[in-house]
Amino acid sequence: MLRRYEYRRRLPHYQPDFKIFFITFCTYQRWELPGRARQIVLDVFLRGDGKLFELLALVVMPDHVHVALNPLGHMDGQVSLPEILQAIKSTSSHRINKELGHRGTVWQQESFDRGLRQEEQLGDKIEYMLLNPVRAGLVRDPMAYRWMWRKTQGWGEIALSGSSGSEG
């Protein structure tokens, strides 16, 4: 059985094999996650790295998440993005609700995903992700943002243009 997927909610979704994906998903009704909740999301992604996907970069913003990942392949095909997102969203929402004493939906059902056409685009996408907290006015230096992670092995350090100073 192949794990391919193609479906349409509001946005079309198609997963070509052996692509790196840039994914964005938002909190339900743009709820702003407190720091403890953002840490939970970061931890859930890090625990999932190497199981369903290879994590390349992650930024957990107050009301949305940017992630670059490579779905892992198995004998029955690549792990599908819905499987990955279901695992991440379900686990993190249960933990967030428990930690904060919150009830209800944490994440929007829909997500935006895009398979990168060329590996050269990866650096640009990750730079965009890492500079997101700077553009939002949360920090001056992207490396000062606590809820960010990036892999450097295999494609080297990313030179971040526009990074300056310290946390704002």
Protein backbone atom coordinates (compact mmCIF):
# COMPACT_ATOMS: atom_id res chain seq x y z
CA MET A 1 0.00 0.00 0.00
CA LEU A 2 1.48 3.35 -1.02
CA ARG A 3 1.29 6.24 1.40
CA ARG A 4 0.72 8.89 -1.25
CA TYR A 5 -1.91 11.48 -0.81
CA GLU A 6 -3.77 14.06 -2.78
CA TYR A 7 -6.83 15.84 -1.48
CA ARG A 8 -8.49 19.21 -1.37
CA ARG A 9 -10.07 21.09 1.49
CA ARG A 10 -9.74 24.77 0.88
CA LEU A 11 -6.23 24.36 -0.47
CA PRO A 12 -5.05 21.65 -2.86
CA HIS A 13 -2.58 19.16 -1.38
CA TYR A 14 -0.31 16.90 -3.38
CA GLN A 15 2.78 15.11 -2.13
CA PRO A 16 5.36 14.24 -4.73
CA ASP A 17 7.92 11.67 -3.60
CA PHE A 18 11.31 12.63 -2.23
CA LYS A 19 10.68 16.33 -1.77
CA ILE A 20 11.50 18.60 1.13
CA PHE A 21 8.36 20.35 2.36
CA PHE A 22 7.86 23.79 3.76
CA ILE A 23 4.71 23.72 5.92
CA THR A 24 2.84 26.44 7.78
CA PHE A 25 -0.10 25.89 10.11
CA CYS A 26 -1.93 28.23 12.46
CA THR A 27 -3.59 28.11 15.82
CA TYR A 28 -7.36 27.97 15.94
CA GLN A 29 -8.81 31.49 15.71
CA ARG A 30 -5.21 32.77 15.76
CA TRP A 31 -4.93 32.05 19.49
CA GLU A 32 -1.57 33.29 20.80
CA LEU A 33 0.37 30.46 22.37
CA PRO A 34 2.15 31.34 25.60
CA GLY A 35 5.82 30.39 25.92
CA ARG A 36 5.08 27.07 27.65
CA ALA A 37 2.86 26.01 24.75
CA ARG A 38 5.44 27.04 22.14
CA GLN A 39 8.02 24.95 24.00
CA ILE A 40 5.69 21.94 23.89
CA VAL A 41 5.34 22.30 20.10
CA LEU A 42 9.12 22.54 19.71
CA ASP A 43 9.63 19.47 21.92
CA VAL A 44 7.01 17.41 20.03
CA PHE A 45 8.71 18.16 16.70
CA LEU A 46 12.15 17.29 18.09
CA ARG A 47 10.85 13.98 19.48
CA GLY A 48 9.31 13.15 16.09
CA ASP A 49 12.53 13.85 14.20
CA GLY A 50 13.85 10.61 12.71
CA LYS A 51 10.60 8.68 13.21
CA LEU A 52 8.18 9.99 10.58
CA PHE A 53 10.29 12.80 9.15
CA GLU A 54 13.70 14.42 9.08
CA LEU A 55 13.39 17.84 10.68
CA LEU A 56 15.37 20.55 8.90
CA ALA A 57 14.12 23.77 10.54
CA LEU A 58 11.31 24.89 12.81
CA VAL A 59 9.98 28.22 14.10
CA VAL A 60 7.08 28.27 16.55
CA MET A 61 5.53 31.73 16.41
CA PRO A 62 2.84 32.89 18.86
CA ASP A 63 -0.02 31.99 16.48
CA HIS A 64 1.53 29.81 13.76
CA VAL A 65 4.30 27.33 12.99
CA HIS A 66 6.75 27.18 10.09
CA VAL A 67 8.55 23.90 9.50
CA ALA A 68 10.84 22.48 6.83
CA LEU A 69 10.99 18.70 6.82
CA ASN A 70 11.63 15.68 4.69
CA PRO A 71 9.10 12.84 5.11
CA LEU A 72 10.86 9.53 5.70
CA GLY A 73 10.44 6.64 3.33
CA HIS A 74 9.53 3.10 4.27
CA MET A 75 8.93 -0.07 2.30
CA ASP A 76 5.34 1.01 1.60
CA GLY A 77 6.33 4.51 0.43
CA GLN A 78 6.96 7.87 1.96
CA VAL A 79 5.15 8.85 5.14
CA SER A 80 2.32 11.19 4.12
CA LEU A 81 2.08 14.78 5.30
CA PRO A 82 -1.38 14.15 6.83
CA GLU A 83 0.16 11.37 8.98
CA ILE A 84 2.94 13.69 10.11
CA LEU A 85 0.68 16.67 10.82
CA GLN A 86 -1.91 14.51 12.59
CA ALA A 87 0.78 13.15 14.90
CA ILE A 88 2.28 16.59 15.62
CA LYS A 89 -0.98 18.49 16.02
CA SER A 90 -2.69 15.80 18.08
CA THR A 91 0.21 15.23 20.46
CA SER A 92 0.97 18.92 20.92
CA SER A 93 -2.67 19.95 21.39
CA HIS A 94 -3.24 17.29 24.07
CA ARG A 95 -0.09 18.38 25.91
CA ILE A 96 -0.88 22.09 25.58
CA ASN A 97 -4.42 21.60 26.86
CA LYS A 98 -3.15 19.57 29.81
CA GLU A 99 -0.32 21.97 30.66
CA LEU A 100 -2.45 25.12 30.44
CA GLY A 101 -5.72 23.72 31.74
CA HIS A 102 -7.18 24.73 28.39
CA ARG A 103 -10.04 22.92 26.67
CA GLY A 104 -10.84 22.81 23.02
CA THR A 105 -9.20 23.13 19.65
CA VAL A 106 -5.61 24.34 19.45
CA TRP A 107 -4.87 24.08 15.70
CA GLN A 108 -6.72 24.96 12.51
CA GLN A 109 -7.45 21.88 10.41
CA GLU A 110 -5.93 23.32 7.26
CA SER A 111 -2.25 23.81 6.60
CA PHE A 112 -0.20 25.25 3.77
CA ASP A 113 2.40 22.88 2.37
CA ARG A 114 4.74 23.26 -0.54
CA GLY A 115 7.24 20.79 -1.93
CA LEU A 116 10.46 22.58 -2.77
CA ARG A 117 11.38 22.25 -6.43
CA GLN A 118 15.13 22.54 -6.01
CA GLU A 119 17.29 21.89 -3.02
CA GLU A 120 18.92 25.30 -3.59
CA GLN A 121 15.65 26.91 -2.41
CA LEU A 122 16.02 25.32 1.01
CA GLY A 123 18.42 27.96 2.32
CA ASP A 124 16.09 30.77 1.22
CA LYS A 125 13.04 29.14 2.83
CA ILE A 126 14.86 28.49 6.08
CA GLU A 127 16.21 32.04 6.16
CA TYR A 128 12.64 33.29 5.66
CA MET A 129 11.47 31.09 8.54
CA LEU A 130 14.26 32.12 10.90
CA LEU A 131 13.75 35.82 10.22
CA ASN A 132 10.01 35.59 10.95
CA PRO A 133 10.42 36.48 14.67
CA VAL A 134 12.51 39.52 13.64
CA ARG A 135 9.88 40.72 11.14
CA ALA A 136 7.21 40.26 13.83
CA GLY A 137 9.19 42.44 16.22
CA LEU A 138 9.72 39.65 18.78
CA VAL A 139 13.55 39.78 18.65
CA ARG A 140 16.28 41.71 16.85
CA ASP A 141 18.54 38.72 16.35
CA PRO A 142 16.85 35.56 15.02
CA MET A 143 19.23 33.39 17.06
CA ALA A 144 17.84 34.99 20.23
CA TYR A 145 14.37 33.54 19.57
CA ARG A 146 13.82 30.62 21.98
CA TRP A 147 11.30 28.61 19.94
CA MET A 148 13.41 28.00 16.86
CA TRP A 149 15.49 25.03 15.76
CA ARG A 150 17.54 24.33 12.65
CA LYS A 151 19.66 21.51 11.39
CA THR A 152 23.01 22.52 9.98
CA GLN A 153 24.59 19.14 9.22
CA GLY A 154 24.56 18.39 5.52
CA TRP A 155 23.93 21.89 4.17
CA GLY A 156 25.97 24.15 6.38
CA GLU A 157 25.29 27.34 8.26
CA ILE A 158 22.79 29.75 6.84
CA ALA A 159 24.01 33.33 6.64
CA LEU A 160 21.16 35.42 7.98
CA SER A 161 20.89 38.83 6.44
CA GLY A 162 19.35 41.46 8.65
CA SER A 163 20.34 39.91 11.98
CA SER A 164 21.57 42.44 14.50
CA GLY A 165 21.84 43.03 18.19
CA SER A 166 19.96 41.11 20.83
CA GLU A 167 16.47 40.31 21.95
CA GLY A 168 14.02 43.20 21.72
